[in-house]
Amino acid sequence: MKCPKCRGLLIQEDIREHGGQFHGWRCVQCGLRLDETIVQNRLTAPFEDNPADLDESASTYSANLTRPSGRHKRSARVS
């Protein structure tokens, strides 16, 4: 499978959290995690009645997809 964010490789992963253990997918390139609940929530439009709210939620969703995840490398300092 390919990551919907960066097109990287998704690997199957067991996700353990306080609520229990879940089966999902993790991208080896960008670290994006997906499981059945995440996918269903992203497919469901939360504000179907008001198109303005829908546009706002879509732009927020897009911004969240482009946000970098994981550790960030700093550039080396030159003395």
C-alpha atoms as a PDB file:
ATOM      1  CA  MET A   1       0.000   0.000   0.000  1.00  0.00           C
ATOM      2  CA  LYS A   2       1.048   3.590  -0.577  1.00  0.00           C
ATOM      3  CA  CYS A   3       0.770   6.470   1.878  1.00  0.00           C
ATOM      4  CA  PRO A   4      -1.963   8.989   0.927  1.00  0.00           C
ATOM      5  CA  LYS A   5       0.232  11.843   2.195  1.00  0.00           C
ATOM      6  CA  CYS A   6       3.668  11.180   0.645  1.00  0.00           C
ATOM      7  CA  ARG A   7       3.145   8.050  -1.509  1.00  0.00           C
ATOM      8  CA  GLY A   8       5.680   6.192   0.684  1.00  0.00           C
ATOM      9  CA  LEU A   9       5.450   2.561   1.783  1.00  0.00           C
ATOM     10  CA  LEU A  10       2.798   1.662   4.385  1.00  0.00           C
ATOM     11  CA  ILE A  11       3.575  -1.244   6.693  1.00  0.00           C
ATOM     12  CA  GLN A  12       1.136  -3.070   8.946  1.00  0.00           C
ATOM     13  CA  GLU A  13       1.568  -2.216  12.620  1.00  0.00           C
ATOM     14  CA  ASP A  14       0.008  -3.038  15.984  1.00  0.00           C
ATOM     15  CA  ILE A  15      -0.807   0.230  17.754  1.00  0.00           C
ATOM     16  CA  ARG A  16      -0.965   0.027  21.545  1.00  0.00           C
ATOM     17  CA  GLU A  17      -2.592   2.883  23.440  1.00  0.00           C
ATOM     18  CA  HIS A  18      -4.443   3.384  26.714  1.00  0.00           C
ATOM     19  CA  GLY A  19      -7.697   2.366  25.038  1.00  0.00           C
ATOM     20  CA  GLY A  20      -6.302  -0.969  23.885  1.00  0.00           C
ATOM     21  CA  GLN A  21      -4.521  -2.486  20.931  1.00  0.00           C
ATOM     22  CA  PHE A  22      -5.385  -1.665  17.320  1.00  0.00           C
ATOM     23  CA  HIS A  23      -4.241  -2.922  13.950  1.00  0.00           C
ATOM     24  CA  GLY A  24      -3.246  -0.208  11.530  1.00  0.00           C
ATOM     25  CA  TRP A  25      -0.723   1.040   9.015  1.00  0.00           C
ATOM     26  CA  ARG A  26       2.343   3.306   9.359  1.00  0.00           C
ATOM     27  CA  CYS A  27       4.276   5.057   6.603  1.00  0.00           C
ATOM     28  CA  VAL A  28       8.006   4.319   6.789  1.00  0.00           C
ATOM     29  CA  GLN A  29       8.794   7.630   5.069  1.00  0.00           C
ATOM     30  CA  CYS A  30       6.664  10.295   6.793  1.00  0.00           C
ATOM     31  CA  GLY A  31       5.336   8.421   9.851  1.00  0.00           C
ATOM     32  CA  LEU A  32       1.628   8.866   9.033  1.00  0.00           C
ATOM     33  CA  ARG A  33      -0.531   6.358  10.916  1.00  0.00           C
ATOM     34  CA  LEU A  34      -3.843   5.024   9.670  1.00  0.00           C
ATOM     35  CA  ASP A  35      -6.358   2.605  11.087  1.00  0.00           C
ATOM     36  CA  GLU A  36      -9.960   1.754  10.291  1.00  0.00           C
ATOM     37  CA  THR A  37     -11.365   4.488  12.557  1.00  0.00           C
ATOM     38  CA  ILE A  38      -9.113   7.209  11.125  1.00  0.00           C
ATOM     39  CA  VAL A  39     -10.072   6.302   7.557  1.00  0.00           C
ATOM     40  CA  GLN A  40     -13.805   6.268   8.382  1.00  0.00           C
ATOM     41  CA  ASN A  41     -13.576   9.647  10.151  1.00  0.00           C
ATOM     42  CA  ARG A  42     -11.802  11.216   7.172  1.00  0.00           C
ATOM     43  CA  LEU A  43     -14.432   9.904   4.763  1.00  0.00           C
ATOM     44  CA  THR A  44     -17.327  11.345   6.806  1.00  0.00           C
ATOM     45  CA  ALA A  45     -18.043  15.043   6.239  1.00  0.00           C
ATOM     46  CA  PRO A  46     -18.805  16.555   9.678  1.00  0.00           C
ATOM     47  CA  PHE A  47     -20.671  19.679   8.413  1.00  0.00           C
ATOM     48  CA  GLU A  48     -22.882  18.519   5.558  1.00  0.00           C
ATOM     49  CA  ASP A  49     -25.623  21.137   6.197  1.00  0.00           C
ATOM     50  CA  ASN A  50     -23.494  24.284   5.885  1.00  0.00           C
ATOM     51  CA  PRO A  51     -21.185  24.471   2.818  1.00  0.00           C
ATOM     52  CA  ALA A  52     -19.098  27.276   4.417  1.00  0.00           C
ATOM     53  CA  ASP A  53     -18.307  25.016   7.377  1.00  0.00           C
ATOM     54  CA  LEU A  54     -17.443  22.199   4.987  1.00  0.00           C
ATOM     55  CA  ASP A  55     -14.967  24.415   3.090  1.00  0.00           C
ATOM     56  CA  GLU A  56     -13.330  25.483   6.354  1.00  0.00           C
ATOM     57  CA  SER A  57     -12.980  21.895   7.594  1.00  0.00           C
ATOM     58  CA  ALA A  58     -11.514  20.822   4.242  1.00  0.00           C
ATOM     59  CA  SER A  59      -8.835  23.524   4.389  1.00  0.00           C
ATOM     60  CA  THR A  60      -8.001  22.562   7.992  1.00  0.00           C
ATOM     61  CA  TYR A  61      -7.798  18.911   6.933  1.00  0.00           C
ATOM     62  CA  SER A  62      -5.449  19.806   4.050  1.00  0.00           C
ATOM     63  CA  ALA A  63      -3.254  21.868   6.374  1.00  0.00           C
ATOM     64  CA  ASN A  64      -3.020  18.944   8.783  1.00  0.00           C
ATOM     65  CA  LEU A  65      -1.954  16.625   5.961  1.00  0.00           C
ATOM     66  CA  THR A  66       0.928  18.888   4.983  1.00  0.00           C
ATOM     67  CA  ARG A  67       2.215  19.366   8.529  1.00  0.00           C
ATOM     68  CA  PRO A  68       5.557  17.566   9.003  1.00  0.00           C
ATOM     69  CA  SER A  69       5.622  14.775  11.538  1.00  0.00           C
ATOM     70  CA  GLY A  70       8.350  13.136  13.572  1.00  0.00           C
ATOM     71  CA  ARG A  71      11.747  14.532  14.497  1.00  0.00           C
ATOM     72  CA  HIS A  72      13.178  17.421  12.545  1.00  0.00           C
ATOM     73  CA  LYS A  73      16.836  17.663  11.648  1.00  0.00           C
ATOM     74  CA  ARG A  74      18.593  20.928  12.324  1.00  0.00           C
ATOM     75  CA  SER A  75      21.212  22.214   9.966  1.00  0.00           C
ATOM     76  CA  ALA A  76      24.782  21.763  11.150  1.00  0.00           C
ATOM     77  CA  ARG A  77      26.374  24.780  12.789  1.00  0.00           C
ATOM     78  CA  VAL A  78      29.538  26.014  11.189  1.00  0.00           C
ATOM     79  CA  SER A  79      32.116  27.421  13.619  1.00  0.00           C
END
